[in-house]
């Protein structure tokens, strides 16, 4: 009888150890492991950003946009973890868009018109660099760097 209790106790310990090990392993695969809870990063579209900056040139825009840092004043570069959210907030008096031009995944995102006072959010699930612009105001551009978990 005592032998059965010992065998049963060992079996229970083994089952618990396997269950705990499996749980720890599976949670380590979670995209947010080590990154805490998913977060929201805000990108404001400032008032007056519909006005073209002096010196803006479409050809130079295309050159800079393809290679990275973009020199115009309304330029945002943010770095987030995978499965985190970006939210554009239109604080301008004119509509804008957040339109991905370069993306590590397909399809590219496009907010459609973000009306004054409105927002557009997207959760990015693939690591890489996303370059975006406003379809109506190309000087409003930037990049989002999504780091793996």
N, C-alpha and C. Protein backbone atom coordinates (compact mmCIF):
# COMPACT_ATOMS: atom_id res chain seq x y z
N UNK A 1 0.83 -1.19 0.00
CA UNK A 1 0.00 0.00 0.00
C UNK A 1 0.87 1.25 0.00
N UNK A 2 1.90 1.23 0.86
CA UNK A 2 2.77 2.40 0.95
C UNK A 2 3.52 2.61 -0.37
N UNK A 3 3.87 1.50 -1.03
CA UNK A 3 4.57 1.59 -2.31
C UNK A 3 3.67 2.27 -3.35
N UNK A 4 2.38 1.97 -3.37
CA UNK A 4 1.44 2.60 -4.30
C UNK A 4 1.36 4.10 -4.07
N UNK A 5 1.36 4.50 -2.83
CA UNK A 5 1.29 5.93 -2.49
C UNK A 5 2.53 6.65 -3.00
N UNK A 6 3.70 6.02 -2.82
CA UNK A 6 4.96 6.61 -3.29
C UNK A 6 4.95 6.72 -4.81
N UNK A 7 4.53 5.66 -5.50
CA UNK A 7 4.47 5.67 -6.97
C UNK A 7 3.48 6.73 -7.44
N UNK A 8 2.33 6.82 -6.79
CA UNK A 8 1.33 7.82 -7.15
C UNK A 8 1.87 9.23 -6.91
N UNK A 9 2.56 9.45 -5.82
CA UNK A 9 3.14 10.76 -5.52
C UNK A 9 4.18 11.14 -6.56
N UNK A 10 5.02 10.18 -6.94
CA UNK A 10 6.03 10.45 -7.98
C UNK A 10 5.35 10.77 -9.31
N UNK A 11 4.30 10.02 -9.64
CA UNK A 11 3.58 10.26 -10.89
C UNK A 11 2.96 11.66 -10.91
N UNK A 12 2.40 12.08 -9.79
CA UNK A 12 1.80 13.42 -9.69
C UNK A 12 2.88 14.49 -9.86
N UNK A 13 4.02 14.30 -9.22
CA UNK A 13 5.13 15.26 -9.33
C UNK A 13 5.60 15.35 -10.79
N UNK A 14 5.72 14.21 -11.46
CA UNK A 14 6.17 14.20 -12.85
C UNK A 14 5.16 14.92 -13.74
N UNK A 15 3.87 14.64 -13.56
CA UNK A 15 2.83 15.30 -14.36
C UNK A 15 2.85 16.80 -14.13
N UNK A 16 2.97 17.22 -12.88
CA UNK A 16 3.04 18.66 -12.58
C UNK A 16 4.28 19.29 -13.20
N UNK A 17 5.41 18.61 -13.11
CA UNK A 17 6.65 19.14 -13.68
C UNK A 17 6.53 19.30 -15.19
N UNK A 18 5.94 18.32 -15.86
CA UNK A 18 5.75 18.40 -17.31
C UNK A 18 4.78 19.54 -17.65
N UNK A 19 3.70 19.66 -16.89
CA UNK A 19 2.73 20.73 -17.15
C UNK A 19 3.36 22.11 -16.96
N UNK A 20 4.10 22.29 -15.89
CA UNK A 20 4.74 23.59 -15.62
C UNK A 20 5.79 23.90 -16.69
N UNK A 21 6.58 22.90 -17.05
CA UNK A 21 7.60 23.10 -18.09
C UNK A 21 6.94 23.47 -19.42
N UNK A 22 5.86 22.79 -19.76
CA UNK A 22 5.13 23.11 -20.99
C UNK A 22 4.57 24.52 -20.96
N UNK A 23 4.01 24.92 -19.84
CA UNK A 23 3.47 26.27 -19.70
C UNK A 23 4.56 27.32 -19.86
N UNK A 24 5.68 27.11 -19.17
CA UNK A 24 6.80 28.07 -19.25
C UNK A 24 7.31 28.14 -20.69
N UNK A 25 7.45 27.01 -21.35
CA UNK A 25 7.93 26.99 -22.73
C UNK A 25 6.96 27.73 -23.65
N UNK A 26 5.67 27.41 -23.55
CA UNK A 26 4.69 28.04 -24.43
C UNK A 26 4.58 29.54 -24.20
N UNK A 27 4.65 29.99 -22.95
CA UNK A 27 4.59 31.43 -22.71
C UNK A 27 5.85 32.13 -23.18
N UNK A 28 6.96 31.41 -23.26
CA UNK A 28 8.18 32.04 -23.79
C UNK A 28 8.06 32.30 -25.28
N UNK A 29 7.14 31.63 -25.96
CA UNK A 29 6.91 31.87 -27.38
C UNK A 29 5.97 33.03 -27.63
N UNK A 30 5.37 33.55 -26.59
CA UNK A 30 4.44 34.66 -26.73
C UNK A 30 5.16 35.86 -27.33
N UNK A 31 4.52 36.57 -28.32
CA UNK A 31 5.17 37.71 -28.95
C UNK A 31 5.53 38.83 -27.99
N UNK A 32 4.85 38.93 -26.87
CA UNK A 32 5.12 40.02 -25.94
C UNK A 32 6.01 39.60 -24.79
N UNK A 33 6.58 38.41 -24.86
CA UNK A 33 7.43 37.96 -23.76
C UNK A 33 8.56 38.94 -23.53
N UNK A 34 8.69 39.38 -22.31
CA UNK A 34 9.75 40.30 -21.96
C UNK A 34 9.42 41.74 -22.31
N UNK A 35 8.37 41.96 -23.05
CA UNK A 35 8.04 43.31 -23.46
C UNK A 35 6.87 43.86 -22.66
N UNK A 36 6.37 43.12 -21.71
CA UNK A 36 5.22 43.58 -20.95
C UNK A 36 3.96 43.51 -21.79
N UNK A 37 2.97 44.26 -21.39
CA UNK A 37 1.72 44.29 -22.13
C UNK A 37 1.90 45.05 -23.43
N UNK A 38 1.11 44.69 -24.46
CA UNK A 38 1.17 45.47 -25.69
C UNK A 38 0.89 46.93 -25.38
N UNK A 39 1.54 47.81 -26.14
CA UNK A 39 1.36 49.23 -25.88
C UNK A 39 0.87 49.95 -27.12
N UNK A 40 0.40 51.17 -26.92
CA UNK A 40 -0.04 52.04 -28.01
C UNK A 40 0.90 53.23 -28.06
N UNK A 41 1.48 53.48 -29.23
CA UNK A 41 2.36 54.62 -29.43
C UNK A 41 1.63 55.62 -30.32
N UNK A 42 1.51 56.84 -29.85
CA UNK A 42 0.78 57.87 -30.57
C UNK A 42 1.72 58.64 -31.50
N UNK A 43 1.27 58.88 -32.72
CA UNK A 43 1.96 59.76 -33.66
C UNK A 43 1.01 60.91 -33.97
N UNK A 44 1.28 62.10 -33.41
CA UNK A 44 0.39 63.23 -33.67
C UNK A 44 0.64 63.81 -35.07
N UNK A 45 -0.43 64.21 -35.71
CA UNK A 45 -0.35 65.00 -36.95
C UNK A 45 -0.61 66.43 -36.51
N UNK A 46 0.43 67.28 -36.44
CA UNK A 46 0.30 68.59 -35.80
C UNK A 46 -0.51 69.60 -36.62
N UNK A 47 -1.05 70.61 -35.92
CA UNK A 47 -1.77 71.68 -36.62
C UNK A 47 -0.86 72.35 -37.66
N UNK A 48 -1.44 72.69 -38.80
CA UNK A 48 -0.69 73.38 -39.85
C UNK A 48 0.19 72.48 -40.68
N UNK A 49 0.14 71.19 -40.45
CA UNK A 49 1.04 70.29 -41.18
C UNK A 49 0.60 70.08 -42.63
N UNK A 50 -0.55 70.61 -43.01
CA UNK A 50 -0.97 70.54 -44.41
C UNK A 50 -0.20 71.55 -45.26
N UNK A 51 0.49 72.50 -44.65
CA UNK A 51 1.23 73.54 -45.38
C UNK A 51 2.59 72.97 -45.81
N UNK A 52 2.86 73.04 -47.09
CA UNK A 52 4.11 72.51 -47.63
C UNK A 52 5.30 73.28 -47.09
N UNK A 53 6.31 72.59 -46.54
CA UNK A 53 7.49 73.29 -46.02
C UNK A 53 8.32 73.87 -47.17
N UNK A 54 8.97 74.99 -46.91
CA UNK A 54 9.80 75.59 -47.95
C UNK A 54 10.94 74.63 -48.28
N UNK A 55 11.25 74.53 -49.55
CA UNK A 55 12.32 73.65 -49.98
C UNK A 55 11.88 72.22 -50.25
N UNK A 56 10.60 71.91 -50.05
CA UNK A 56 10.16 70.55 -50.31
C UNK A 56 10.28 70.26 -51.80
N UNK A 57 10.79 69.08 -52.13
CA UNK A 57 11.01 68.69 -53.51
C UNK A 57 10.63 67.22 -53.63
N UNK A 58 9.73 66.92 -54.55
CA UNK A 58 9.23 65.55 -54.68
C UNK A 58 10.34 64.56 -55.00
N UNK A 59 11.27 64.93 -55.87
CA UNK A 59 12.36 64.02 -56.22
C UNK A 59 13.23 63.72 -55.00
N UNK A 60 13.58 64.75 -54.25
CA UNK A 60 14.37 64.54 -53.04
C UNK A 60 13.59 63.71 -52.03
N UNK A 61 12.29 63.97 -51.94
CA UNK A 61 11.44 63.18 -51.04
C UNK A 61 11.57 61.70 -51.37
N UNK A 62 11.46 61.35 -52.65
CA UNK A 62 11.53 59.94 -53.05
C UNK A 62 12.90 59.35 -52.73
N UNK A 63 13.97 60.12 -52.93
CA UNK A 63 15.32 59.62 -52.61
C UNK A 63 15.46 59.37 -51.11
N UNK A 64 15.08 60.35 -50.31
CA UNK A 64 15.19 60.20 -48.85
C UNK A 64 14.29 59.08 -48.34
N UNK A 65 13.10 59.03 -48.88
CA UNK A 65 12.12 58.08 -48.38
C UNK A 65 12.58 56.65 -48.60
N UNK A 66 13.28 56.41 -49.70
CA UNK A 66 13.75 55.06 -50.00
C UNK A 66 14.88 54.63 -49.07
N UNK A 67 15.66 55.59 -48.57
CA UNK A 67 16.85 55.23 -47.81
C UNK A 67 16.77 55.52 -46.33
N UNK A 68 15.77 56.26 -45.87
CA UNK A 68 15.69 56.52 -44.45
C UNK A 68 16.03 57.92 -44.13
N UNK A 69 16.52 58.30 -43.01
CA UNK A 69 15.92 59.44 -42.33
C UNK A 69 15.48 60.55 -43.27
N UNK A 70 14.33 61.00 -42.97
CA UNK A 70 13.63 61.95 -43.81
C UNK A 70 13.80 63.33 -43.19
N UNK A 71 14.34 64.34 -43.94
CA UNK A 71 14.78 65.59 -43.32
C UNK A 71 13.71 66.65 -43.08
N UNK A 72 12.49 66.42 -43.48
CA UNK A 72 11.50 67.50 -43.36
C UNK A 72 10.96 67.57 -41.94
N UNK A 73 10.41 68.72 -41.58
CA UNK A 73 10.10 68.95 -40.16
C UNK A 73 9.06 68.02 -39.56
N UNK A 74 8.10 67.58 -40.34
CA UNK A 74 7.07 66.70 -39.78
C UNK A 74 7.45 65.27 -40.13
N UNK A 75 8.39 64.74 -39.37
CA UNK A 75 8.94 63.41 -39.62
C UNK A 75 9.01 62.68 -38.29
N UNK A 76 8.43 61.53 -38.25
CA UNK A 76 8.45 60.74 -37.01
C UNK A 76 9.11 59.40 -37.28
N UNK A 77 10.02 59.04 -36.42
CA UNK A 77 10.57 57.68 -36.40
C UNK A 77 10.28 57.13 -35.02
N UNK A 78 9.56 56.03 -34.98
CA UNK A 78 9.26 55.40 -33.70
C UNK A 78 9.71 53.94 -33.75
N UNK A 79 10.06 53.42 -32.60
CA UNK A 79 10.46 52.02 -32.48
C UNK A 79 9.53 51.36 -31.47
N UNK A 80 8.95 50.24 -31.89
CA UNK A 80 8.02 49.51 -31.02
C UNK A 80 8.37 48.02 -31.07
N UNK A 81 7.74 47.27 -30.20
CA UNK A 81 7.85 45.81 -30.23
C UNK A 81 6.75 45.23 -31.09
N UNK A 82 6.94 44.00 -31.52
CA UNK A 82 5.94 43.32 -32.32
C UNK A 82 4.64 43.21 -31.53
N UNK A 83 3.52 43.25 -32.20
CA UNK A 83 2.16 43.19 -31.63
C UNK A 83 1.80 44.43 -30.83
N UNK A 84 2.49 45.53 -31.07
CA UNK A 84 2.12 46.80 -30.45
C UNK A 84 1.40 47.65 -31.49
N UNK A 85 0.73 48.67 -31.01
CA UNK A 85 -0.15 49.47 -31.85
C UNK A 85 0.39 50.88 -32.03
N UNK A 86 0.23 51.38 -33.25
CA UNK A 86 0.52 52.78 -33.58
C UNK A 86 -0.82 53.46 -33.79
N UNK A 87 -0.95 54.67 -33.23
CA UNK A 87 -2.19 55.44 -33.41
C UNK A 87 -1.83 56.84 -33.89
N UNK A 88 -2.28 57.18 -35.10
CA UNK A 88 -2.12 58.54 -35.61
C UNK A 88 -3.30 59.36 -35.12
N UNK A 89 -3.01 60.56 -34.62
CA UNK A 89 -4.05 61.47 -34.12
C UNK A 89 -3.97 62.74 -34.96
N UNK A 90 -5.03 63.04 -35.69
CA UNK A 90 -5.03 64.22 -36.55
C UNK A 90 -5.42 65.45 -35.74
N UNK A 91 -4.41 66.28 -35.41
CA UNK A 91 -4.63 67.52 -34.68
C UNK A 91 -4.67 68.72 -35.62
N UNK A 92 -4.65 68.45 -36.92
CA UNK A 92 -4.67 69.49 -37.94
C UNK A 92 -6.13 69.83 -38.29
N UNK A 93 -6.29 70.86 -39.10
CA UNK A 93 -7.64 71.25 -39.54
C UNK A 93 -8.00 70.63 -40.88
N UNK A 94 -7.07 69.88 -41.46
CA UNK A 94 -7.29 69.23 -42.76
C UNK A 94 -7.17 67.72 -42.61
N UNK A 95 -7.85 66.96 -43.49
CA UNK A 95 -7.70 65.50 -43.45
C UNK A 95 -6.30 65.07 -43.90
N UNK A 96 -5.87 63.92 -43.41
CA UNK A 96 -4.58 63.33 -43.78
C UNK A 96 -4.76 61.82 -43.89
N UNK A 97 -3.71 61.14 -44.36
CA UNK A 97 -3.71 59.68 -44.37
C UNK A 97 -2.43 59.17 -43.72
N UNK A 98 -2.43 57.93 -43.35
CA UNK A 98 -1.21 57.20 -42.96
C UNK A 98 -1.14 56.04 -43.93
N UNK A 99 -0.25 56.16 -44.91
CA UNK A 99 -0.18 55.22 -46.01
C UNK A 99 1.21 54.59 -46.07
N UNK A 100 1.28 53.29 -45.89
CA UNK A 100 2.58 52.59 -45.94
C UNK A 100 3.06 52.52 -47.38
N UNK A 101 4.31 52.90 -47.57
CA UNK A 101 4.95 52.81 -48.88
C UNK A 101 5.90 51.62 -48.91
N UNK A 102 6.55 51.37 -47.78
CA UNK A 102 7.47 50.24 -47.64
C UNK A 102 7.03 49.47 -46.40
N UNK A 103 6.91 48.15 -46.54
CA UNK A 103 6.43 47.34 -45.43
C UNK A 103 7.01 45.94 -45.53
N UNK A 104 7.35 45.31 -44.39
CA UNK A 104 7.84 43.94 -44.44
C UNK A 104 6.72 42.92 -44.65
N UNK A 105 5.50 43.37 -44.69
CA UNK A 105 4.39 42.44 -44.90
C UNK A 105 3.42 43.02 -45.92
N UNK A 106 2.61 42.18 -46.48
CA UNK A 106 1.58 42.62 -47.41
C UNK A 106 0.24 42.27 -46.79
N UNK A 107 -0.82 43.01 -46.98
CA UNK A 107 -0.83 44.22 -47.78
C UNK A 107 -0.27 45.40 -47.00
N UNK A 108 0.10 46.44 -47.72
CA UNK A 108 0.52 47.68 -47.09
C UNK A 108 -0.69 48.31 -46.42
N UNK A 109 -0.48 49.05 -45.33
CA UNK A 109 -1.64 49.66 -44.68
C UNK A 109 -1.94 51.02 -45.29
N UNK A 110 -3.21 51.37 -45.25
CA UNK A 110 -3.67 52.68 -45.70
C UNK A 110 -4.88 53.04 -44.85
N UNK A 111 -4.77 54.16 -44.17
CA UNK A 111 -5.81 54.56 -43.23
C UNK A 111 -7.07 55.07 -43.91
N UNK A 112 -6.98 55.47 -45.17
CA UNK A 112 -8.05 56.28 -45.74
C UNK A 112 -7.93 57.66 -45.09
N UNK A 113 -8.90 58.52 -45.32
CA UNK A 113 -8.82 59.87 -44.74
C UNK A 113 -8.99 59.83 -43.22
N UNK A 114 -8.07 60.48 -42.54
CA UNK A 114 -8.19 60.68 -41.09
C UNK A 114 -8.67 62.12 -40.93
N UNK A 115 -9.92 62.29 -40.61
CA UNK A 115 -10.49 63.63 -40.50
C UNK A 115 -9.94 64.36 -39.29
N UNK A 116 -10.01 65.70 -39.28
CA UNK A 116 -9.54 66.46 -38.12
C UNK A 116 -10.18 65.95 -36.83
N UNK A 117 -9.35 65.75 -35.81
CA UNK A 117 -9.83 65.28 -34.52
C UNK A 117 -10.02 63.77 -34.43
N UNK A 118 -9.80 63.06 -35.52
CA UNK A 118 -10.00 61.61 -35.55
C UNK A 118 -8.67 60.88 -35.48
N UNK A 119 -8.74 59.56 -35.33
CA UNK A 119 -7.54 58.73 -35.20
C UNK A 119 -7.59 57.55 -36.16
N UNK A 120 -6.43 56.96 -36.36
CA UNK A 120 -6.30 55.70 -37.09
C UNK A 120 -5.28 54.86 -36.34
N UNK A 121 -5.62 53.60 -36.08
CA UNK A 121 -4.72 52.70 -35.35
C UNK A 121 -4.46 51.44 -36.16
N UNK A 122 -3.25 50.91 -35.99
CA UNK A 122 -2.91 49.63 -36.60
C UNK A 122 -1.95 48.91 -35.66
N UNK A 123 -2.17 47.60 -35.50
CA UNK A 123 -1.28 46.76 -34.71
C UNK A 123 -0.35 46.05 -35.68
N UNK A 124 0.96 46.23 -35.47
CA UNK A 124 1.95 45.67 -36.38
C UNK A 124 2.49 44.36 -35.80
N UNK A 125 2.38 43.30 -36.58
CA UNK A 125 2.68 41.96 -36.10
C UNK A 125 3.92 41.34 -36.73
N UNK A 126 4.52 42.04 -37.69
CA UNK A 126 5.70 41.51 -38.38
C UNK A 126 6.87 42.46 -38.14
N UNK A 127 8.00 41.95 -37.63
CA UNK A 127 9.16 42.82 -37.41
C UNK A 127 9.68 43.39 -38.73
N UNK A 128 10.27 44.58 -38.65
CA UNK A 128 10.85 45.21 -39.83
C UNK A 128 10.63 46.71 -39.79
N UNK A 129 10.97 47.37 -40.89
CA UNK A 129 10.81 48.82 -40.99
C UNK A 129 9.66 49.14 -41.93
N UNK A 130 8.73 49.93 -41.43
CA UNK A 130 7.58 50.38 -42.21
C UNK A 130 7.79 51.87 -42.48
N UNK A 131 7.78 52.27 -43.73
CA UNK A 131 7.86 53.69 -44.07
C UNK A 131 6.49 54.12 -44.54
N UNK A 132 6.05 55.28 -44.06
CA UNK A 132 4.71 55.75 -44.37
C UNK A 132 4.75 57.23 -44.74
N UNK A 133 3.69 57.67 -45.38
CA UNK A 133 3.52 59.07 -45.73
C UNK A 133 2.03 59.39 -45.74
N UNK A 134 1.72 60.67 -45.84
CA UNK A 134 0.35 61.10 -46.09
C UNK A 134 0.19 61.14 -47.61
N UNK A 135 -0.83 60.50 -48.13
CA UNK A 135 -1.03 60.45 -49.58
C UNK A 135 -1.26 61.84 -50.17
N UNK A 136 -1.74 62.77 -49.37
CA UNK A 136 -2.04 64.13 -49.85
C UNK A 136 -0.90 65.10 -49.56
N UNK A 137 -0.11 64.84 -48.56
CA UNK A 137 0.95 65.76 -48.11
C UNK A 137 2.22 64.94 -47.87
N UNK A 138 2.99 64.73 -48.94
CA UNK A 138 4.14 63.82 -48.85
C UNK A 138 5.20 64.23 -47.84
N UNK A 139 5.24 65.47 -47.44
CA UNK A 139 6.22 65.89 -46.44
C UNK A 139 5.88 65.36 -45.06
N UNK A 140 4.67 64.88 -44.88
CA UNK A 140 4.30 64.20 -43.63
C UNK A 140 4.67 62.73 -43.81
N UNK A 141 5.80 62.35 -43.29
CA UNK A 141 6.29 61.00 -43.53
C UNK A 141 7.10 60.53 -42.34
N UNK A 142 7.36 59.27 -42.30
CA UNK A 142 8.19 58.74 -41.21
C UNK A 142 8.37 57.25 -41.35
N UNK A 143 8.91 56.68 -40.29
CA UNK A 143 9.10 55.24 -40.30
C UNK A 143 8.82 54.66 -38.92
N UNK A 144 8.37 53.43 -38.95
CA UNK A 144 8.11 52.67 -37.73
C UNK A 144 9.02 51.45 -37.78
N UNK A 145 9.84 51.31 -36.77
CA UNK A 145 10.73 50.15 -36.67
C UNK A 145 10.10 49.19 -35.66
N UNK A 146 9.76 48.00 -36.13
CA UNK A 146 9.13 46.99 -35.27
C UNK A 146 10.19 45.94 -34.94
N UNK A 147 10.52 45.86 -33.66
CA UNK A 147 11.54 44.91 -33.18
C UNK A 147 10.87 43.58 -32.84
N UNK A 148 11.57 42.46 -33.09
CA UNK A 148 11.01 41.17 -32.67
C UNK A 148 10.94 41.08 -31.15
N UNK A 149 10.06 40.23 -30.66
CA UNK A 149 9.90 40.08 -29.21
C UNK A 149 11.13 39.48 -28.58
